[in-house]
Amino acid sequence: MIHFGPAGASASFYAQGHKSSLEMPGWLEKMGLNAFEYQCSRGVNISDEMAIKLGRSAADKSIQLSVHAPYYINLSTQDPEMRLKTRGHLLKSLKAARLMGAKTVVFHPGAGKGENRRELFLSAKAFLKEILDEAREEGLAGVYLAPETGGKKNQLGSLGEVLELCELGSELAPAVDFGHLHAISGGGFTGKPAFAAVLDLVEQSLGREYLQNLHIHFSPVEFTGAGEKKHWTTLETRFGPDFTPLAELIIEKGLTPTVICESAGRQAEDAMIYRDIYLGIMGRGK
């Protein structure tokens, strides 16, 4: 089954009087959505009790959960205090995900600025292996750690780098943000060939299973020469990428990904639009 849902809560969730994340699964079910990415972007502040309750509520409504780890993570840092915090952020995110029954923890690998990018990446890769080993020791298997493709040129997280990180172990899986890839390529995702090249590379690098269940982020993104500038919504038609080519490929290849929408303030509404594009193409094929 393919899953569609938002990253965090839309403005409309709060405008309708909702306050707690525990209300999110029921709200999404009524909208015909079946995925939710819980945001720990400013820190893992959810209590164990709350995580368990959210997991039960999501399971009751057949909502697939994932977690976005804090933005403060930087695997390439050499600062001892920052390395300690990065390790803590990832382990805490995995623990929260485990408690709520989430399938995936998405994270940004960190900075990659300067001429020694490859050296920074190799340092980040070695540090991630240390954290992965510790996660195994703490019994946190069963949740994927998913490095996300970055949208800025001074960030680690090119598609190649993400796929190389995922070769560290079966607990790692890519989170492919097509808005970010569109931004960093200067608007290169305008048709099926660009999307197909990404999907093919994932399969060639990691195998069919990882492509089959790919974790996808999708939203319209404004960009500059440096890459991603701002996330917009489907109401702003001047910003890409268009979801239609990707939806066609998902259907043609028989994939069952999770598509998380990160539109600014309209995450759930735009997730519904992406879902309807997919269902419309499916309907035409029958």
Protein backbone atom coordinates (compact mmCIF):
# COMPACT_ATOMS: atom_id res chain seq x y z
CA MET A 1 0.00 0.00 0.00
CA ILE A 2 1.22 3.50 -0.84
CA HIS A 3 1.08 6.03 2.02
CA PHE A 4 0.47 9.79 1.83
CA GLY A 5 0.65 12.25 4.71
CA PRO A 6 2.09 15.46 6.14
CA ALA A 7 5.27 16.39 7.95
CA GLY A 8 3.88 17.95 11.10
CA ALA A 9 0.54 19.71 11.38
CA SER A 10 -1.07 21.98 8.81
CA ALA A 11 -2.27 25.40 9.88
CA SER A 12 -5.83 24.10 9.42
CA PHE A 13 -5.29 21.48 12.14
CA TYR A 14 -4.89 24.22 14.74
CA ALA A 15 -7.47 26.51 13.10
CA GLN A 16 -10.06 23.77 13.63
CA GLY A 17 -9.33 23.78 17.35
CA HIS A 18 -6.97 20.82 17.58
CA LYS A 19 -4.02 21.13 19.95
CA SER A 20 -2.52 17.71 20.63
CA SER A 21 -0.65 15.37 18.30
CA LEU A 22 -2.85 12.62 19.73
CA GLU A 23 -5.69 14.11 17.68
CA MET A 24 -3.69 13.91 14.46
CA PRO A 25 -4.38 10.26 13.49
CA GLY A 26 -8.15 10.73 13.66
CA TRP A 27 -7.91 14.03 11.76
CA LEU A 28 -5.81 12.46 9.01
CA GLU A 29 -8.12 9.46 8.73
CA LYS A 30 -11.05 11.80 8.01
CA MET A 31 -8.99 13.43 5.25
CA GLY A 32 -8.23 10.08 3.66
CA LEU A 33 -4.52 10.21 4.51
CA ASN A 34 -2.57 7.34 6.03
CA ALA A 35 0.88 8.64 7.04
CA PHE A 36 2.27 11.19 9.49
CA GLU A 37 5.83 12.36 10.09
CA TYR A 38 6.17 13.50 13.70
CA GLN A 39 8.50 16.48 13.91
CA CYS A 40 11.34 16.51 16.45
CA SER A 41 13.09 19.24 14.47
CA ARG A 42 13.79 21.37 17.58
CA GLY A 43 14.61 18.46 19.84
CA VAL A 44 13.14 15.13 20.96
CA ASN A 45 10.76 16.46 23.58
CA ILE A 46 8.00 13.87 23.42
CA SER A 47 7.59 11.84 26.63
CA ASP A 48 7.62 8.05 26.60
CA GLU A 49 3.96 8.01 27.64
CA MET A 50 2.98 10.41 24.86
CA ALA A 51 4.92 8.44 22.26
CA ILE A 52 3.18 5.22 23.25
CA LYS A 53 -0.26 6.90 23.15
CA LEU A 54 0.44 8.42 19.73
CA GLY A 55 1.53 5.03 18.44
CA ARG A 56 -1.64 3.38 19.69
CA SER A 57 -3.82 6.10 18.20
CA ALA A 58 -2.02 5.86 14.86
CA ALA A 59 -2.31 2.07 14.80
CA ASP A 60 -6.02 2.31 15.57
CA LYS A 61 -6.51 4.62 12.58
CA SER A 62 -4.06 2.76 10.29
CA ILE A 63 -1.73 5.75 10.10
CA GLN A 64 1.92 4.91 9.36
CA LEU A 65 4.29 6.97 11.52
CA SER A 66 7.77 8.28 10.88
CA VAL A 67 9.91 10.74 12.85
CA HIS A 68 12.02 13.66 11.68
CA ALA A 69 15.08 13.96 13.93
CA PRO A 70 16.39 17.36 15.14
CA TYR A 71 17.90 19.79 12.65
CA TYR A 72 20.89 20.21 14.97
CA ILE A 73 22.46 16.93 13.85
CA ASN A 74 25.85 17.31 12.17
CA LEU A 75 27.73 14.08 11.56
CA SER A 76 30.71 15.88 10.04
CA THR A 77 31.51 18.04 13.09
CA GLN A 78 34.78 17.53 14.94
CA ASP A 79 33.63 19.45 18.02
CA PRO A 80 33.39 16.94 20.90
CA GLU A 81 30.32 18.58 22.46
CA MET A 82 28.49 18.74 19.12
CA ARG A 83 29.34 15.09 18.41
CA LEU A 84 27.92 14.11 21.78
CA LYS A 85 24.72 16.06 21.06
CA THR A 86 24.42 14.60 17.55
CA ARG A 87 24.74 11.08 18.94
CA GLY A 88 22.11 11.88 21.57
CA HIS A 89 19.68 13.38 19.06
CA LEU A 90 19.79 10.31 16.83
CA LEU A 91 19.52 7.78 19.67
CA LYS A 92 16.67 9.71 21.33
CA SER A 93 14.87 9.91 17.98
CA LEU A 94 15.22 6.16 17.51
CA LYS A 95 13.92 5.50 21.02
CA ALA A 96 10.89 7.75 20.48
CA ALA A 97 10.20 6.11 17.12
CA ARG A 98 10.45 2.66 18.67
CA LEU A 99 7.96 3.59 21.40
CA MET A 100 5.42 4.96 18.93
CA GLY A 101 5.89 2.15 16.42
CA ALA A 102 7.28 4.46 13.76
CA LYS A 103 8.92 2.86 10.76
CA THR A 104 11.58 5.46 9.93
CA VAL A 105 13.68 8.24 11.49
CA VAL A 106 14.65 10.86 8.90
CA PHE A 107 17.68 13.07 9.54
CA HIS A 108 19.92 15.59 7.79
CA PRO A 109 23.54 14.36 7.66
CA GLY A 110 25.07 17.77 8.34
CA ALA A 111 27.39 20.35 6.80
CA GLY A 112 29.56 19.75 3.76
CA LYS A 113 31.00 23.20 3.08
CA GLY A 114 34.48 23.71 1.68
CA GLU A 115 36.96 22.10 -0.67
CA ASN A 116 37.44 19.04 1.57
CA ARG A 117 33.85 17.83 1.16
CA ARG A 118 34.90 14.21 0.57
CA GLU A 119 37.00 14.27 3.74
CA LEU A 120 34.04 15.69 5.69
CA PHE A 121 31.76 13.04 4.26
CA LEU A 122 34.07 10.17 5.17
CA SER A 123 34.31 11.54 8.71
CA ALA A 124 30.50 11.74 8.87
CA LYS A 125 30.20 8.19 7.55
CA ALA A 126 32.58 6.86 10.20
CA PHE A 127 30.68 8.69 12.94
CA LEU A 128 27.34 7.36 11.71
CA LYS A 129 28.77 3.82 11.86
CA GLU A 130 29.68 4.42 15.53
CA ILE A 131 26.15 5.61 16.28
CA LEU A 132 24.66 2.69 14.38
CA ASP A 133 26.75 0.25 16.41
CA GLU A 134 25.58 1.90 19.63
CA ALA A 135 21.95 1.76 18.50
CA ARG A 136 22.33 -1.97 17.92
CA GLU A 137 23.83 -2.42 21.37
CA GLU A 138 20.90 -0.56 22.91
CA GLY A 139 18.40 -2.81 21.14
CA LEU A 140 17.02 -0.14 18.82
CA ALA A 141 16.82 -2.37 15.76
CA GLY A 142 13.62 -2.41 13.75
CA VAL A 143 13.53 1.31 12.92
CA TYR A 144 15.23 2.62 9.78
CA LEU A 145 17.65 5.52 10.08
CA ALA A 146 17.08 7.51 6.89
CA PRO A 147 19.59 10.15 5.78
CA GLU A 148 17.77 12.74 3.68
CA THR A 149 18.92 14.24 0.41
CA GLY A 150 19.82 17.88 1.05
CA GLY A 151 18.67 20.95 -0.81
CA LYS A 152 21.67 23.24 -0.27
CA LYS A 153 25.11 22.97 -1.80
CA ASN A 154 26.85 23.53 1.54
CA GLN A 155 25.09 20.49 3.06
CA LEU A 156 26.06 16.87 2.96
CA GLY A 157 23.33 14.77 1.43
CA SER A 158 23.74 14.47 -2.32
CA LEU A 159 21.93 11.42 -3.64
CA GLY A 160 25.24 9.61 -4.03
CA GLU A 161 26.28 10.45 -0.48
CA VAL A 162 22.95 9.31 0.96
CA LEU A 163 23.14 6.01 -0.89
CA GLU A 164 26.74 5.48 0.26
CA LEU A 165 25.70 6.08 3.88
CA CYS A 166 22.96 3.50 3.46
CA GLU A 167 25.54 0.87 2.55
CA LEU A 168 26.68 0.90 6.21
CA GLY A 169 23.92 -1.48 7.25
CA SER A 170 20.44 -2.84 6.65
CA GLU A 171 19.05 -0.44 9.30
CA LEU A 172 19.76 2.48 6.97
CA ALA A 173 17.43 3.52 4.16
CA PRO A 174 17.35 6.64 1.98
CA ALA A 175 14.91 9.50 2.42
CA VAL A 176 14.67 11.09 -1.02
CA ASP A 177 13.43 14.67 -1.00
CA PHE A 178 12.56 15.49 -4.60
CA GLY A 179 11.97 19.15 -3.76
CA HIS A 180 15.53 19.34 -2.48
CA LEU A 181 16.90 17.52 -5.53
CA HIS A 182 14.95 19.88 -7.79
CA ALA A 183 16.41 22.89 -5.96
CA ILE A 184 20.02 21.73 -5.89
CA SER A 185 19.88 20.82 -9.59
CA GLY A 186 18.66 24.31 -10.45
CA GLY A 187 15.19 23.13 -11.45
CA GLY A 188 16.18 19.92 -13.18
CA PHE A 189 13.16 17.81 -12.25
CA THR A 190 10.72 18.77 -14.99
CA GLY A 191 9.95 15.39 -16.54
CA LYS A 192 10.04 11.64 -16.03
CA PRO A 193 13.69 11.04 -17.02
CA ALA A 194 15.07 12.98 -14.03
CA PHE A 195 12.80 11.16 -11.57
CA ALA A 196 13.46 7.81 -13.25
CA ALA A 197 17.22 8.29 -12.94
CA VAL A 198 16.88 8.72 -9.17
CA LEU A 199 14.68 5.66 -8.75
CA ASP A 200 16.99 3.57 -10.93
CA LEU A 201 20.05 4.62 -8.92
CA VAL A 202 18.36 3.71 -5.64
CA GLU A 203 17.56 0.26 -6.99
CA GLN A 204 21.02 -0.27 -8.47
CA SER A 205 22.73 0.81 -5.24
CA LEU A 206 20.54 -0.80 -2.58
CA GLY A 207 18.22 -3.27 -4.28
CA ARG A 208 14.55 -3.57 -5.16
CA GLU A 209 13.27 -3.75 -1.58
CA TYR A 210 14.62 -0.29 -0.74
CA LEU A 211 13.14 1.19 -3.90
CA GLN A 212 9.84 -0.60 -3.34
CA ASN A 213 9.33 1.00 0.07
CA LEU A 214 11.15 4.29 -0.54
CA HIS A 215 10.58 7.13 1.94
CA ILE A 216 9.86 10.23 -0.14
CA HIS A 217 9.56 13.92 0.75
CA PHE A 218 7.76 16.10 -1.76
CA SER A 219 6.82 19.78 -1.85
CA PRO A 220 7.25 22.83 -4.10
CA VAL A 221 10.58 24.54 -3.40
CA GLU A 222 11.97 27.94 -4.34
CA PHE A 223 15.71 27.95 -4.97
CA THR A 224 18.72 30.15 -5.74
CA GLY A 225 22.19 29.36 -7.03
CA ALA A 226 23.02 28.02 -3.56
CA GLY A 227 20.09 25.61 -3.65
CA GLU A 228 16.91 25.48 -1.55
CA LYS A 229 15.54 28.84 -0.38
CA LYS A 230 11.97 28.23 0.78
CA HIS A 231 9.21 25.62 0.78
CA TRP A 232 5.93 26.74 -0.79
CA THR A 233 2.61 25.04 -1.55
CA THR A 234 0.80 23.70 -4.59
CA LEU A 235 -1.14 26.99 -4.67
CA GLU A 236 2.08 28.67 -5.83
CA THR A 237 2.19 27.13 -9.30
CA ARG A 238 5.44 28.83 -10.30
CA PHE A 239 7.42 26.49 -8.05
CA GLY A 240 8.24 22.88 -8.80
CA PRO A 241 8.62 20.02 -8.99
CA ASP A 242 5.39 18.57 -10.37
CA PHE A 243 4.31 15.33 -8.71
CA THR A 244 2.70 13.86 -11.84
CA PRO A 245 5.86 12.37 -13.44
CA LEU A 246 6.82 10.69 -10.16
CA ALA A 247 3.29 9.35 -9.66
CA GLU A 248 3.38 7.83 -13.14
CA LEU A 249 6.68 6.11 -12.37
CA ILE A 250 5.43 4.82 -9.02
CA ILE A 251 2.53 3.18 -10.83
CA GLU A 252 4.59 1.88 -13.75
CA LYS A 253 7.16 0.32 -11.42
CA GLY A 254 4.56 -1.03 -8.98
CA LEU A 255 6.11 0.77 -6.01
CA THR A 256 4.59 1.23 -2.54
CA PRO A 257 6.45 4.24 -1.10
CA THR A 258 5.59 6.62 1.70
CA VAL A 259 5.11 10.16 0.39
CA ILE A 260 5.45 12.86 3.05
CA CYS A 261 4.53 16.41 2.11
CA GLU A 262 6.50 19.32 3.59
CA SER A 263 4.57 22.22 2.05
CA ALA A 264 4.55 25.38 4.13
CA GLY A 265 1.37 25.34 6.24
CA ARG A 266 -0.59 23.13 3.83
CA GLN A 267 1.19 19.84 4.39
CA ALA A 268 -1.95 17.74 4.74
CA GLU A 269 -3.91 19.54 2.01
CA ASP A 270 -1.06 19.16 -0.47
CA ALA A 271 -0.58 15.53 0.54
CA MET A 272 -4.23 15.05 -0.48
CA ILE A 273 -3.49 16.69 -3.82
CA TYR A 274 -0.55 14.35 -4.43
CA ARG A 275 -2.71 11.40 -3.40
CA ASP A 276 -5.44 12.47 -5.83
CA ILE A 277 -2.93 12.84 -8.68
CA TYR A 278 -1.77 9.29 -7.99
CA LEU A 279 -5.34 7.92 -7.75
CA GLY A 280 -6.33 9.79 -10.93
CA ILE A 281 -3.53 8.21 -12.91
CA MET A 282 -4.38 4.81 -11.43
CA GLY A 283 -7.99 5.27 -12.48
CA ARG A 284 -7.05 6.15 -16.05
CA GLY A 285 -4.98 2.98 -16.28
CA LYS A 286 -7.91 0.69 -15.49
